[in-house]
Amino acid sequence: MEKTSVLKNYSSTLWLLAGLAAGGVLGVALGQKAAVFRPVGTLFLNLIFVLVVPLVFFSVAQSMVVMRRSGTIGRVLGTAIGVFLFMSLVAGVFSYGLMSVWNPFAQAGGSGGAAGGAALQESLNIGESLASAFSVNDFPLLLSREHLLPLIVFAALFGLSVAYLDKKVPTMEKLVTEGGTVIMKMMDVVMKAAPVGIGCYFADTIGSLGGRIVGQYLQIFLVVLAACAVCYFVFYSLFALFCRIPLGNFWKEMIPPSATAVGTSSSAACLPVNLAAARRLGVSEKVADGVIPLGTNLHKDGSVVTSVAKVLFALYFFDIMPDSGLVAAALVILLSVLASMVVGAVPIGGMTGEILICAILGVDPAFAATLMIIGTICDIPATLLNATGNLVASTLVERLVKTPDTPENLIAK
């Protein structure tokens, strides 16, 4: 009976891992021919993406209602932003240190001559970039997963307005609550097909990208993989211990979002899995529903790691590495954090990060295509950190907004 219960509890995870493994084997064995599985994987992801926009809207709006009435909204959101920044800086500082020791970029030094120019481009309009990231100029543009960050802002304002009006709009509050329940159920139904859909998508990914990981790009991939592995296993475990979560429970709940992230290379696809895992780890709904959707766009540890590699590659390629080690570190880390925030916040999110790097460094914008190769070959480990980092962030926020000396407020009792 006990074995049956264990198998039942782990059945969805085991099926997901089985689909992932099968997809990987097929991708390696078939190579480019694995593209035959692409339609099935695309169909599954499209079903997920169609539900992401309403899921984000209802979950954020509902969390704003709950937080406003509990009086914790300012504290939760302020803590979330602080946690996002702290985790991103940890990933950036460690990655820069590792890549300074294990340096796969030096052999590219000077290839671009002096065309790099100044290390900063004064003409870059940071205010304009931020405005484009957090807002759109027409309502229909909100109804796209390419504009999730503006959607989150709109949903937060909508939820706050519903909460402030209180009893004047009981029907609207009921719509927000029940709408979120329906969308979550729809997502649960679609996720039943995850082993097949993720397996097919992963087969196509491995089949199409396997041959590109060669030469210097292979070295860059390995150092990024090592940095992501340390962040994933070491730093995330330390964060879990800080939150007083038993490591056995923590890593058990990390498996579903990790498998989904590796299989789909999509943080958005991990949103429902992260929400469910956060609740099982003891994170309250008001924290999980507010922190995880916001983090899906704003907090990307994996993108920070890959951006460190991209910035260093550009600096060595154009031979514009600052003479001062402290200046170089500050430039690389801060630019990497900024680039990671832009990724996914505006259309063509991945390319936006590369273009932003080129613009700030003052190098040829066409070089963004070269940097994009790094992002492509490192996409899987980066997405793993991007997705699971939001689950970890929710536990940290939950821990920080609770009273530490009250037993009933601890995440792991």
Protein backbone atom coordinates (compact mmCIF):
# COMPACT_ATOMS: atom_id res chain seq x y z
CA MET A 1 0.00 0.00 0.00
CA GLU A 2 2.84 2.35 0.87
CA LYS A 3 4.64 1.66 -2.44
CA THR A 4 1.42 2.27 -4.34
CA SER A 5 0.95 5.57 -2.55
CA VAL A 6 4.51 6.67 -3.38
CA LEU A 7 4.08 5.78 -7.05
CA LYS A 8 0.79 7.65 -7.13
CA ASN A 9 2.34 10.77 -5.62
CA TYR A 10 5.24 10.71 -8.07
CA SER A 11 3.37 9.43 -11.14
CA SER A 12 3.10 12.80 -12.91
CA THR A 13 6.75 13.60 -12.24
CA LEU A 14 7.90 10.17 -13.41
CA TRP A 15 5.87 10.44 -16.62
CA LEU A 16 7.29 13.90 -17.23
CA LEU A 17 10.86 12.68 -16.75
CA ALA A 18 10.18 9.67 -18.97
CA GLY A 19 8.90 11.92 -21.77
CA LEU A 20 11.91 14.18 -21.38
CA ALA A 21 14.35 11.25 -21.52
CA ALA A 22 12.62 9.72 -24.55
CA GLY A 23 12.71 13.06 -26.36
CA GLY A 24 16.42 13.46 -25.65
CA VAL A 25 17.24 9.98 -26.96
CA LEU A 26 15.19 10.55 -30.12
CA GLY A 27 16.82 13.93 -30.69
CA VAL A 28 20.34 12.47 -30.44
CA ALA A 29 19.48 9.44 -32.58
CA LEU A 30 17.58 11.23 -35.35
CA GLY A 31 19.38 14.57 -35.47
CA GLN A 32 17.70 16.97 -37.90
CA LYS A 33 15.09 14.31 -38.71
CA ALA A 34 13.70 14.80 -35.19
CA ALA A 35 11.94 17.86 -36.62
CA VAL A 36 9.11 15.45 -37.46
CA PHE A 37 8.09 15.72 -33.79
CA ARG A 38 7.98 19.53 -33.89
CA PRO A 39 4.24 19.88 -34.71
CA VAL A 40 3.23 17.86 -31.65
CA GLY A 41 5.50 19.90 -29.38
CA THR A 42 4.30 23.14 -30.94
CA LEU A 43 0.67 22.14 -30.46
CA PHE A 44 1.24 21.46 -26.78
CA LEU A 45 3.11 24.73 -26.23
CA ASN A 46 0.47 26.70 -28.10
CA LEU A 47 -2.20 25.32 -25.77
CA ILE A 48 -0.08 26.41 -22.81
CA PHE A 49 0.66 29.86 -24.22
CA VAL A 50 -3.01 30.53 -25.03
CA LEU A 51 -3.82 30.09 -21.34
CA VAL A 52 -0.86 32.05 -19.98
CA VAL A 53 -2.37 35.53 -20.56
CA PRO A 54 -5.67 34.86 -18.74
CA LEU A 55 -3.83 32.90 -16.05
CA VAL A 56 -1.50 35.82 -15.34
CA PHE A 57 -4.35 38.35 -15.39
CA PHE A 58 -6.62 36.46 -12.99
CA SER A 59 -3.84 35.31 -10.64
CA VAL A 60 -2.29 38.79 -10.31
CA ALA A 61 -5.65 40.58 -10.01
CA GLN A 62 -6.84 38.11 -7.39
CA SER A 63 -3.60 38.39 -5.41
CA MET A 64 -3.92 42.19 -5.40
CA VAL A 65 -7.43 41.90 -3.95
CA VAL A 66 -6.22 39.55 -1.22
CA MET A 67 -3.08 41.56 -0.39
CA ARG A 68 -4.89 44.89 -0.35
CA ARG A 69 -7.45 43.62 2.13
CA SER A 70 -4.86 41.93 4.32
CA GLY A 71 -2.78 45.11 4.42
CA THR A 72 0.38 43.38 3.15
CA ILE A 73 0.49 44.41 -0.51
CA GLY A 74 3.21 47.03 -0.16
CA ARG A 75 5.38 44.80 1.97
CA VAL A 76 4.99 41.75 -0.32
CA LEU A 77 5.72 43.56 -3.58
CA GLY A 78 8.56 45.60 -2.10
CA THR A 79 10.11 42.44 -0.67
CA ALA A 80 9.67 40.64 -4.01
CA ILE A 81 11.57 43.33 -5.92
CA GLY A 82 14.35 43.22 -3.33
CA VAL A 83 14.55 39.42 -3.53
CA PHE A 84 14.66 39.49 -7.35
CA LEU A 85 17.50 42.00 -7.33
CA PHE A 86 19.44 40.14 -4.63
CA MET A 87 19.20 36.77 -6.38
CA SER A 88 20.17 38.32 -9.73
CA LEU A 89 23.21 40.01 -8.20
CA VAL A 90 24.29 36.76 -6.53
CA ALA A 91 24.09 34.97 -9.89
CA GLY A 92 25.89 37.82 -11.67
CA VAL A 93 28.72 38.22 -9.16
CA PHE A 94 29.39 34.48 -8.99
CA SER A 95 29.24 34.06 -12.78
CA TYR A 96 31.64 36.95 -13.35
CA GLY A 97 34.08 35.50 -10.80
CA LEU A 98 33.91 32.03 -12.34
CA MET A 99 34.32 33.31 -15.92
CA SER A 100 37.28 35.46 -14.86
CA VAL A 101 39.04 32.29 -13.70
CA TRP A 102 37.72 29.91 -16.38
CA ASN A 103 37.98 32.32 -19.30
CA PRO A 104 36.85 30.96 -22.70
CA PHE A 105 36.69 34.47 -24.19
CA ALA A 106 40.36 35.53 -24.28
CA GLN A 107 41.04 33.73 -27.57
CA ALA A 108 38.49 36.04 -29.23
CA GLY A 109 40.32 39.12 -27.99
CA GLY A 110 40.97 41.85 -30.53
CA SER A 111 38.99 40.19 -33.33
CA GLY A 112 36.84 43.24 -33.70
CA GLY A 113 39.70 45.73 -33.73
CA ALA A 114 38.99 49.14 -32.26
CA ALA A 115 35.50 49.30 -33.73
CA GLY A 116 34.00 48.99 -30.31
CA GLY A 117 34.50 52.65 -29.50
CA ALA A 118 33.45 53.86 -26.08
CA ALA A 119 32.32 51.43 -23.40
CA LEU A 120 29.08 53.32 -22.97
CA GLN A 121 26.77 54.90 -25.50
CA GLU A 122 25.35 58.17 -24.24
CA SER A 123 22.60 58.20 -26.82
CA LEU A 124 20.87 55.17 -25.31
CA ASN A 125 17.57 56.36 -23.88
CA ILE A 126 17.13 54.26 -20.74
CA GLY A 127 13.85 55.98 -19.86
CA GLU A 128 12.39 55.14 -23.26
CA SER A 129 13.46 51.50 -22.88
CA LEU A 130 11.86 51.20 -19.45
CA ALA A 131 8.64 52.80 -20.66
CA SER A 132 8.45 50.28 -23.54
CA ALA A 133 9.13 47.38 -21.17
CA PHE A 134 6.41 48.25 -18.65
CA SER A 135 3.68 49.66 -20.90
CA VAL A 136 1.98 49.40 -24.29
CA ASN A 137 0.11 52.08 -26.22
CA ASP A 138 -3.03 50.10 -27.04
CA PHE A 139 -5.22 47.74 -25.01
CA PRO A 140 -5.19 44.82 -27.51
CA LEU A 141 -1.40 44.62 -27.15
CA LEU A 142 -1.92 43.45 -23.57
CA LEU A 143 -3.51 40.25 -24.85
CA SER A 144 -0.19 38.72 -25.85
CA ARG A 145 2.40 36.71 -23.94
CA GLU A 146 5.00 39.00 -25.52
CA HIS A 147 3.68 41.80 -23.31
CA LEU A 148 3.24 39.98 -20.01
CA LEU A 149 4.96 42.70 -17.98
CA PRO A 150 2.53 45.45 -19.08
CA LEU A 151 -0.27 42.90 -18.52
CA ILE A 152 0.93 42.37 -14.95
CA VAL A 153 0.86 46.14 -14.35
CA PHE A 154 -2.67 46.34 -15.78
CA ALA A 155 -3.86 43.31 -13.77
CA ALA A 156 -2.37 44.74 -10.57
CA LEU A 157 -4.16 48.06 -11.10
CA PHE A 158 -7.38 46.22 -11.92
CA GLY A 159 -7.16 44.05 -8.80
CA LEU A 160 -6.35 47.04 -6.61
CA SER A 161 -9.33 48.95 -8.00
CA VAL A 162 -11.64 46.01 -7.30
CA ALA A 163 -10.28 45.79 -3.76
CA TYR A 164 -10.68 49.53 -3.11
CA LEU A 165 -14.28 49.53 -4.38
CA ASP A 166 -14.97 46.59 -2.05
CA LYS A 167 -18.71 45.90 -1.70
CA LYS A 168 -19.61 48.18 -4.60
CA VAL A 169 -18.46 45.57 -7.13
CA PRO A 170 -19.16 42.11 -5.60
CA THR A 171 -19.82 40.59 -9.03
CA MET A 172 -16.45 41.74 -10.37
CA GLU A 173 -14.64 40.32 -7.35
CA LYS A 174 -16.45 37.01 -7.85
CA LEU A 175 -15.46 37.04 -11.52
CA VAL A 176 -11.79 37.54 -10.65
CA THR A 177 -11.84 34.72 -8.09
CA GLU A 178 -13.84 32.17 -10.08
CA GLY A 179 -12.14 33.08 -13.36
CA GLY A 180 -8.77 32.19 -11.86
CA THR A 181 -10.14 28.85 -10.65
CA VAL A 182 -11.47 27.96 -14.10
CA ILE A 183 -8.23 28.89 -15.88
CA MET A 184 -6.17 26.86 -13.39
CA LYS A 185 -8.40 23.84 -14.05
CA MET A 186 -7.99 24.29 -17.81
CA MET A 187 -4.22 24.42 -17.36
CA ASP A 188 -4.35 21.26 -15.27
CA VAL A 189 -6.20 19.45 -18.07
CA VAL A 190 -3.71 20.59 -20.71
CA MET A 191 -0.77 19.54 -18.53
CA LYS A 192 -2.00 15.95 -18.66
CA ALA A 193 -0.42 15.87 -22.13
CA ALA A 194 2.89 17.26 -20.85
CA PRO A 195 4.96 14.03 -21.12
CA VAL A 196 4.16 13.68 -24.84
CA GLY A 197 4.25 17.38 -25.69
CA ILE A 198 7.44 18.12 -23.78
CA GLY A 199 9.11 14.96 -25.10
CA CYS A 200 8.39 15.90 -28.72
CA TYR A 201 9.52 19.50 -28.27
CA PHE A 202 12.74 18.39 -26.55
CA ALA A 203 13.47 15.87 -29.32
CA ASP A 204 13.25 18.63 -31.93
CA THR A 205 15.41 20.97 -29.81
CA ILE A 206 18.18 18.42 -29.30
CA GLY A 207 18.02 17.31 -32.92
CA SER A 208 18.37 20.85 -34.31
CA LEU A 209 20.95 22.31 -31.89
CA GLY A 210 23.19 19.36 -31.11
CA GLY A 211 25.64 19.96 -33.94
CA ARG A 212 26.18 23.68 -33.22
CA ILE A 213 27.83 23.25 -29.85
CA VAL A 214 31.42 23.17 -31.10
CA GLY A 215 34.69 25.02 -30.72
CA GLN A 216 34.69 28.15 -28.64
CA TYR A 217 30.94 28.09 -28.22
CA LEU A 218 31.31 24.70 -26.57
CA GLN A 219 33.69 26.21 -24.01
CA ILE A 220 31.26 29.06 -23.37
CA PHE A 221 28.42 26.57 -22.99
CA LEU A 222 30.42 24.56 -20.45
CA VAL A 223 31.30 27.56 -18.28
CA VAL A 224 27.69 28.80 -18.38
CA LEU A 225 26.50 25.29 -17.52
CA ALA A 226 28.89 25.17 -14.56
CA ALA A 227 27.73 28.57 -13.30
CA CYS A 228 24.08 27.57 -13.64
CA ALA A 229 24.75 24.26 -11.85
CA VAL A 230 26.31 26.00 -8.83
CA CYS A 231 23.46 28.53 -8.67
CA TYR A 232 20.89 25.75 -9.01
CA PHE A 233 22.27 23.18 -6.57
CA VAL A 234 24.29 25.26 -4.08
CA PHE A 235 22.72 28.72 -3.87
CA TYR A 236 19.13 27.51 -4.18
CA SER A 237 19.76 24.91 -1.46
CA LEU A 238 21.18 27.64 0.79
CA PHE A 239 18.12 29.80 0.12
CA ALA A 240 15.88 26.83 1.03
CA LEU A 241 17.76 26.34 4.30
CA PHE A 242 17.36 30.05 5.07
CA CYS A 243 13.62 29.58 4.55
CA ARG A 244 13.73 26.59 6.92
CA ILE A 245 12.50 24.18 4.26
CA PRO A 246 13.82 20.61 4.57
CA LEU A 247 16.00 19.94 1.54
CA GLY A 248 14.19 16.68 0.81
CA ASN A 249 10.86 18.48 0.49
CA PHE A 250 12.43 21.35 -1.41
CA TRP A 251 14.07 19.22 -4.11
CA LYS A 252 11.01 17.03 -4.44
CA GLU A 253 8.98 20.09 -5.43
CA MET A 254 11.77 21.41 -7.67
CA ILE A 255 11.52 18.38 -9.98
CA PRO A 256 8.29 19.26 -11.88
CA PRO A 257 9.24 22.88 -12.74
CA SER A 258 12.81 21.78 -13.51
CA ALA A 259 11.67 19.06 -15.90
CA THR A 260 9.19 21.41 -17.56
CA ALA A 261 11.85 24.12 -17.94
CA VAL A 262 14.41 21.73 -19.44
CA GLY A 263 11.86 20.21 -21.78
CA THR A 264 10.24 23.39 -23.08
CA SER A 265 12.93 26.08 -22.62
CA SER A 266 10.04 28.34 -21.61
CA SER A 267 9.59 30.13 -18.29
CA ALA A 268 5.98 30.89 -19.21
CA ALA A 269 5.20 27.19 -19.56
CA CYS A 270 6.47 26.66 -16.00
CA LEU A 271 4.11 29.23 -14.48
CA PRO A 272 1.30 26.82 -13.45
CA VAL A 273 3.79 24.19 -12.25
CA ASN A 274 5.60 26.77 -10.12
CA LEU A 275 2.35 28.02 -8.59
CA ALA A 276 1.37 24.50 -7.56
CA ALA A 277 4.85 23.69 -6.20
CA ALA A 278 4.99 26.95 -4.21
CA ARG A 279 1.73 26.16 -2.45
CA ARG A 280 2.96 22.67 -1.56
CA LEU A 281 6.06 24.28 -0.04
CA GLY A 282 3.85 26.38 2.20
CA VAL A 283 3.86 29.64 0.27
CA SER A 284 0.57 31.47 0.72
CA GLU A 285 -1.62 32.11 -2.32
CA LYS A 286 -1.30 35.88 -2.03
CA VAL A 287 2.50 35.61 -2.19
CA ALA A 288 2.71 32.88 -4.85
CA ASP A 289 0.10 34.48 -7.14
CA GLY A 290 1.84 37.84 -6.94
CA VAL A 291 5.54 36.90 -6.91
CA ILE A 292 5.73 34.08 -9.46
CA PRO A 293 3.92 35.79 -12.40
CA LEU A 294 5.90 38.98 -11.76
CA GLY A 295 9.14 37.01 -11.55
CA THR A 296 8.40 35.19 -14.81
CA ASN A 297 9.24 38.42 -16.63
CA LEU A 298 11.25 40.48 -14.20
CA HIS A 299 13.47 37.89 -12.48
CA LYS A 300 15.75 35.68 -14.60
CA ASP A 301 18.87 34.32 -12.89
CA GLY A 302 19.73 32.14 -15.89
CA SER A 303 19.54 35.11 -18.24
CA VAL A 304 21.90 36.98 -15.91
CA VAL A 305 24.44 34.14 -16.19
CA THR A 306 24.24 33.98 -19.99
CA SER A 307 24.32 37.78 -20.23
CA VAL A 308 27.58 37.84 -18.26
CA ALA A 309 29.00 35.51 -20.92
CA LYS A 310 27.64 37.70 -23.75
CA VAL A 311 29.01 40.93 -22.28
CA LEU A 312 32.44 39.41 -21.65
CA PHE A 313 32.51 37.95 -25.17
CA ALA A 314 31.73 41.38 -26.65
CA LEU A 315 34.32 43.16 -24.49
CA TYR A 316 37.06 40.72 -25.50
CA PHE A 317 35.98 40.55 -29.14
CA PHE A 318 36.18 44.33 -29.60
CA ASP A 319 39.13 44.67 -27.22
CA ILE A 320 37.33 47.22 -25.02
CA MET A 321 37.69 45.53 -21.63
CA PRO A 322 38.05 48.34 -19.00
CA ASP A 323 41.51 48.59 -17.47
CA SER A 324 40.13 48.64 -13.95
CA GLY A 325 38.97 45.25 -12.68
CA LEU A 326 36.38 46.90 -10.43
CA VAL A 327 34.96 48.95 -13.31
CA ALA A 328 34.87 45.84 -15.52
CA ALA A 329 33.04 43.83 -12.87
CA ALA A 330 30.49 46.60 -12.23
CA LEU A 331 29.90 47.10 -15.96
CA VAL A 332 29.46 43.40 -16.71
CA ILE A 333 27.26 42.59 -13.73
CA LEU A 334 24.96 45.61 -13.90
CA LEU A 335 24.57 45.37 -17.68
CA SER A 336 23.81 41.65 -17.35
CA VAL A 337 21.11 42.26 -14.74
CA LEU A 338 19.56 44.99 -16.92
CA ALA A 339 19.64 42.76 -20.03
CA SER A 340 18.01 39.92 -18.11
CA MET A 341 15.13 42.18 -17.09
CA VAL A 342 14.54 43.23 -20.69
CA VAL A 343 14.44 39.65 -22.02
CA GLY A 344 10.81 38.67 -22.42
CA ALA A 345 9.52 42.08 -21.37
CA VAL A 346 9.19 43.37 -24.94
CA PRO A 347 8.62 41.71 -28.34
CA ILE A 348 11.53 39.59 -29.62
CA GLY A 349 12.63 39.43 -25.99
CA GLY A 350 15.72 37.28 -26.51
CA MET A 351 17.14 39.53 -29.23
CA THR A 352 16.30 42.63 -27.21
CA GLY A 353 18.86 41.66 -24.57
CA GLU A 354 21.62 41.30 -27.16
CA ILE A 355 20.72 44.60 -28.84
CA LEU A 356 20.72 46.36 -25.48
CA ILE A 357 24.20 44.99 -24.72
CA CYS A 358 25.53 46.23 -28.07
CA ALA A 359 23.88 49.63 -27.61
CA ILE A 360 25.32 50.26 -24.14
CA LEU A 361 28.79 49.05 -25.15
CA GLY A 362 28.63 51.16 -28.30
CA VAL A 363 29.42 48.30 -30.70
CA ASP A 364 27.96 47.36 -34.08
CA PRO A 365 24.28 46.36 -33.53
CA ALA A 366 24.78 43.55 -36.06
CA PHE A 367 26.99 41.87 -33.46
CA ALA A 368 23.79 41.06 -31.59
CA ALA A 369 23.32 38.09 -33.93
CA THR A 370 26.67 36.67 -32.79
CA LEU A 371 25.71 37.10 -29.14
CA MET A 372 22.39 35.42 -29.82
CA ILE A 373 24.21 32.15 -30.60
CA ILE A 374 25.40 32.08 -26.98
CA GLY A 375 21.85 32.56 -25.79
CA THR A 376 20.61 29.82 -28.09
CA ILE A 377 23.07 27.10 -27.09
CA CYS A 378 22.75 28.02 -23.38
CA ASP A 379 18.97 28.36 -23.44
CA ILE A 380 18.16 25.14 -21.57
CA PRO A 381 20.33 25.67 -18.43
CA ALA A 382 19.39 29.36 -18.44
CA THR A 383 15.68 28.59 -18.57
CA LEU A 384 16.13 26.07 -15.77
CA LEU A 385 17.42 28.85 -13.52
CA ASN A 386 14.91 31.40 -14.82
CA ALA A 387 11.93 29.18 -14.05
CA THR A 388 12.97 27.54 -10.78
CA GLY A 389 14.42 30.80 -9.49
CA ASN A 390 10.91 32.19 -9.33
CA LEU A 391 9.80 29.28 -7.14
CA VAL A 392 12.77 29.92 -4.84
CA ALA A 393 12.01 33.65 -4.82
CA SER A 394 8.45 32.99 -3.67
CA THR A 395 9.72 30.98 -0.68
CA LEU A 396 12.16 33.77 0.23
CA VAL A 397 9.44 36.40 0.07
CA GLU A 398 7.15 34.22 2.16
CA ARG A 399 9.91 33.79 4.74
CA LEU A 400 10.76 37.49 4.86
CA VAL A 401 7.20 38.78 5.21
CA LYS A 402 6.47 36.39 8.06
CA THR A 403 7.37 36.98 11.71
CA PRO A 404 10.41 34.72 12.21
CA ASP A 405 9.83 33.91 15.88
CA THR A 406 6.23 32.76 15.42
CA PRO A 407 6.08 28.98 14.84
CA GLU A 408 2.85 29.06 12.87
CA ASN A 409 4.41 31.53 10.45
CA LEU A 410 7.32 29.34 9.43
CA ILE A 411 7.27 27.87 5.94
CA ALA A 412 8.47 24.44 7.05
CA LYS A 413 6.79 23.48 10.29
